[in-house]
Amino acid sequence: MNETITEHEAVEEPVVEPAAEAVSDEQLVAMLVDRARSDGLQLTGEGGLLQQLTKRVLESARTCPSRPSPRSRTR
């Protein structure tokens, strides 16, 4: 019996992420608040949801490539 072995290039499967457009901002906020409440996390105060979200937003803004602000664009 002859066996033929062929080489195949490794093909990475695409990462399927849920469509962000499918969820409105209001729905996303409601989902975060519901999850925080069910996990016993306070919404405000030290270590609360608002503080954690603020920290993440500020950190991501700091690490993202700079983009010109809409005010600095010429018309």
N, C-alpha and C. Protein backbone atom coordinates (compact mmCIF):
# COMPACT_ATOMS: atom_id res chain seq x y z
N MET A 1 0.85 -1.17 0.00
CA MET A 1 0.00 0.00 0.00
C MET A 1 0.89 1.24 0.00
N ASN A 2 0.64 2.16 -0.91
CA ASN A 2 1.42 3.38 -1.00
C ASN A 2 0.69 4.52 -0.30
N GLU A 3 1.45 5.25 0.47
CA GLU A 3 0.87 6.42 1.14
C GLU A 3 1.51 7.66 0.56
N THR A 4 0.71 8.62 0.27
CA THR A 4 1.22 9.88 -0.24
C THR A 4 1.02 10.94 0.83
N ILE A 5 2.11 11.54 1.19
CA ILE A 5 2.04 12.60 2.21
C ILE A 5 2.30 13.91 1.50
N THR A 6 1.38 14.81 1.64
CA THR A 6 1.55 16.13 1.04
C THR A 6 1.68 17.16 2.14
N GLU A 7 2.42 18.18 1.84
CA GLU A 7 2.59 19.26 2.80
C GLU A 7 1.50 20.29 2.59
N HIS A 8 0.95 20.75 3.65
CA HIS A 8 -0.07 21.79 3.61
C HIS A 8 0.42 22.98 4.41
N GLU A 9 0.20 24.14 3.87
CA GLU A 9 0.54 25.33 4.63
C GLU A 9 -0.47 25.49 5.75
N ALA A 10 0.02 25.96 6.88
CA ALA A 10 -0.89 26.20 8.00
C ALA A 10 -1.81 27.35 7.64
N VAL A 11 -3.08 27.09 7.74
CA VAL A 11 -4.07 28.12 7.45
C VAL A 11 -4.77 28.47 8.75
N GLU A 12 -4.67 29.72 9.10
CA GLU A 12 -5.33 30.15 10.32
C GLU A 12 -6.79 30.41 10.04
N GLU A 13 -7.61 29.91 10.94
CA GLU A 13 -9.04 30.15 10.82
C GLU A 13 -9.32 31.60 11.22
N PRO A 14 -10.18 32.27 10.50
CA PRO A 14 -10.50 33.64 10.88
C PRO A 14 -11.22 33.67 12.22
N VAL A 15 -10.90 34.67 12.99
CA VAL A 15 -11.56 34.84 14.28
C VAL A 15 -12.91 35.49 14.02
N VAL A 16 -13.95 34.82 14.47
CA VAL A 16 -15.29 35.35 14.27
C VAL A 16 -15.69 36.10 15.53
N GLU A 17 -15.91 37.37 15.36
CA GLU A 17 -16.32 38.20 16.48
C GLU A 17 -17.74 38.67 16.24
N PRO A 18 -18.51 38.81 17.33
CA PRO A 18 -19.87 39.30 17.14
C PRO A 18 -19.85 40.70 16.56
N ALA A 19 -20.81 40.98 15.72
CA ALA A 19 -20.87 42.29 15.08
C ALA A 19 -21.20 43.36 16.11
N ALA A 20 -20.29 44.30 16.28
CA ALA A 20 -20.51 45.38 17.24
C ALA A 20 -21.70 46.24 16.83
N GLU A 21 -21.94 46.32 15.53
CA GLU A 21 -23.03 47.15 15.03
C GLU A 21 -24.39 46.58 15.41
N ALA A 22 -24.44 45.29 15.72
CA ALA A 22 -25.71 44.65 16.03
C ALA A 22 -26.25 45.07 17.39
N VAL A 23 -25.41 45.65 18.23
CA VAL A 23 -25.82 46.07 19.56
C VAL A 23 -25.67 47.58 19.66
N SER A 24 -26.73 48.25 20.04
CA SER A 24 -26.66 49.71 20.18
C SER A 24 -25.86 50.06 21.44
N ASP A 25 -25.43 51.30 21.50
CA ASP A 25 -24.70 51.77 22.68
C ASP A 25 -25.54 51.61 23.94
N GLU A 26 -26.82 51.93 23.83
CA GLU A 26 -27.71 51.81 24.99
C GLU A 26 -27.84 50.37 25.46
N GLN A 27 -27.91 49.45 24.49
CA GLN A 27 -28.00 48.03 24.84
C GLN A 27 -26.71 47.55 25.48
N LEU A 28 -25.59 48.02 24.96
CA LEU A 28 -24.30 47.62 25.51
C LEU A 28 -24.16 48.11 26.95
N VAL A 29 -24.53 49.34 27.20
CA VAL A 29 -24.47 49.89 28.56
C VAL A 29 -25.39 49.10 29.48
N ALA A 30 -26.60 48.81 29.02
CA ALA A 30 -27.54 48.04 29.83
C ALA A 30 -26.97 46.66 30.16
N MET A 31 -26.32 46.03 29.18
CA MET A 31 -25.72 44.72 29.41
C MET A 31 -24.61 44.79 30.46
N LEU A 32 -23.77 45.84 30.37
CA LEU A 32 -22.69 46.00 31.35
C LEU A 32 -23.24 46.24 32.75
N VAL A 33 -24.27 47.08 32.84
CA VAL A 33 -24.87 47.37 34.14
C VAL A 33 -25.50 46.11 34.72
N ASP A 34 -26.24 45.38 33.91
CA ASP A 34 -26.87 44.13 34.38
C ASP A 34 -25.83 43.14 34.87
N ARG A 35 -24.75 42.98 34.10
CA ARG A 35 -23.70 42.05 34.50
C ARG A 35 -23.04 42.50 35.80
N ALA A 36 -22.77 43.80 35.93
CA ALA A 36 -22.14 44.31 37.15
C ALA A 36 -23.03 44.05 38.35
N ARG A 37 -24.31 44.32 38.20
CA ARG A 37 -25.24 44.10 39.31
C ARG A 37 -25.33 42.62 39.68
N SER A 38 -25.40 41.75 38.68
CA SER A 38 -25.51 40.31 38.97
C SER A 38 -24.23 39.77 39.60
N ASP A 39 -23.10 40.40 39.31
CA ASP A 39 -21.83 40.00 39.92
C ASP A 39 -21.58 40.68 41.26
N GLY A 40 -22.50 41.54 41.68
CA GLY A 40 -22.36 42.23 42.96
C GLY A 40 -21.41 43.41 42.91
N LEU A 41 -21.10 43.90 41.70
CA LEU A 41 -20.20 45.03 41.55
C LEU A 41 -20.98 46.33 41.65
N GLN A 42 -20.47 47.26 42.42
CA GLN A 42 -21.12 48.56 42.52
C GLN A 42 -20.95 49.31 41.22
N LEU A 43 -21.90 50.18 40.91
CA LEU A 43 -21.82 50.94 39.67
C LEU A 43 -20.88 52.13 39.81
N THR A 44 -20.87 52.75 40.98
CA THR A 44 -20.00 53.91 41.21
C THR A 44 -19.13 53.64 42.43
N GLY A 45 -18.21 54.55 42.68
CA GLY A 45 -17.34 54.41 43.84
C GLY A 45 -16.06 53.67 43.52
N GLU A 46 -15.25 53.53 44.54
CA GLU A 46 -13.94 52.89 44.41
C GLU A 46 -14.08 51.46 43.89
N GLY A 47 -13.45 51.19 42.75
CA GLY A 47 -13.48 49.86 42.16
C GLY A 47 -14.77 49.51 41.45
N GLY A 48 -15.67 50.47 41.33
CA GLY A 48 -16.95 50.22 40.69
C GLY A 48 -16.85 50.18 39.17
N LEU A 49 -17.98 49.88 38.54
CA LEU A 49 -18.02 49.76 37.09
C LEU A 49 -17.59 51.05 36.40
N LEU A 50 -18.09 52.18 36.87
CA LEU A 50 -17.74 53.46 36.24
C LEU A 50 -16.24 53.72 36.31
N GLN A 51 -15.64 53.46 37.43
CA GLN A 51 -14.20 53.67 37.58
C GLN A 51 -13.41 52.73 36.66
N GLN A 52 -13.82 51.49 36.58
CA GLN A 52 -13.12 50.53 35.72
C GLN A 52 -13.26 50.90 34.25
N LEU A 53 -14.46 51.30 33.83
CA LEU A 53 -14.66 51.70 32.43
C LEU A 53 -13.85 52.95 32.09
N THR A 54 -13.87 53.91 32.99
CA THR A 54 -13.11 55.15 32.77
C THR A 54 -11.63 54.85 32.61
N LYS A 55 -11.11 53.98 33.46
CA LYS A 55 -9.70 53.60 33.39
C LYS A 55 -9.38 52.95 32.04
N ARG A 56 -10.23 52.03 31.61
CA ARG A 56 -9.98 51.35 30.33
C ARG A 56 -10.05 52.30 29.14
N VAL A 57 -11.02 53.20 29.17
CA VAL A 57 -11.16 54.16 28.07
C VAL A 57 -9.93 55.05 28.01
N LEU A 58 -9.49 55.56 29.14
CA LEU A 58 -8.31 56.44 29.16
C LEU A 58 -7.05 55.69 28.73
N GLU A 59 -6.90 54.44 29.18
CA GLU A 59 -5.73 53.67 28.78
C GLU A 59 -5.74 53.37 27.28
N SER A 60 -6.90 53.04 26.74
CA SER A 60 -6.95 52.74 25.31
C SER A 60 -6.74 54.00 24.48
N ALA A 61 -7.19 55.13 24.96
CA ALA A 61 -6.96 56.38 24.24
C ALA A 61 -5.48 56.73 24.24
N ARG A 62 -4.81 56.39 25.31
CA ARG A 62 -3.38 56.68 25.42
C ARG A 62 -2.55 55.78 24.53
N THR A 63 -2.98 54.54 24.33
CA THR A 63 -2.20 53.59 23.55
C THR A 63 -2.58 53.53 22.08
N CYS A 64 -3.70 54.13 21.71
CA CYS A 64 -4.13 54.13 20.30
C CYS A 64 -3.28 55.11 19.51
N PRO A 65 -3.08 54.80 18.23
CA PRO A 65 -2.35 55.74 17.39
C PRO A 65 -3.11 57.08 17.34
N SER A 66 -2.36 58.13 17.30
CA SER A 66 -2.97 59.46 17.29
C SER A 66 -3.73 59.68 16.01
N ARG A 67 -4.89 60.23 16.15
CA ARG A 67 -5.69 60.63 15.00
C ARG A 67 -5.98 62.10 15.15
N PRO A 68 -6.02 62.81 14.05
CA PRO A 68 -6.34 64.23 14.17
C PRO A 68 -7.77 64.40 14.68
N SER A 69 -7.96 65.39 15.52
CA SER A 69 -9.30 65.63 16.01
C SER A 69 -10.14 66.25 14.91
N PRO A 70 -11.46 66.09 14.99
CA PRO A 70 -12.32 66.68 13.96
C PRO A 70 -12.15 68.20 13.84
N ARG A 71 -11.79 68.85 14.92
CA ARG A 71 -11.60 70.30 14.90
C ARG A 71 -10.36 70.70 14.13
N SER A 72 -9.36 69.82 14.08
CA SER A 72 -8.11 70.18 13.41
C SER A 72 -8.16 69.92 11.91
N ARG A 73 -9.21 69.27 11.44
CA ARG A 73 -9.33 69.01 10.00
C ARG A 73 -9.72 70.28 9.27
N THR A 74 -9.16 70.43 8.11
CA THR A 74 -9.53 71.61 7.29
C THR A 74 -10.75 71.27 6.50
N ARG A 75 -11.54 72.27 6.21
CA ARG A 75 -12.77 72.04 5.47
C ARG A 75 -12.62 72.48 4.05
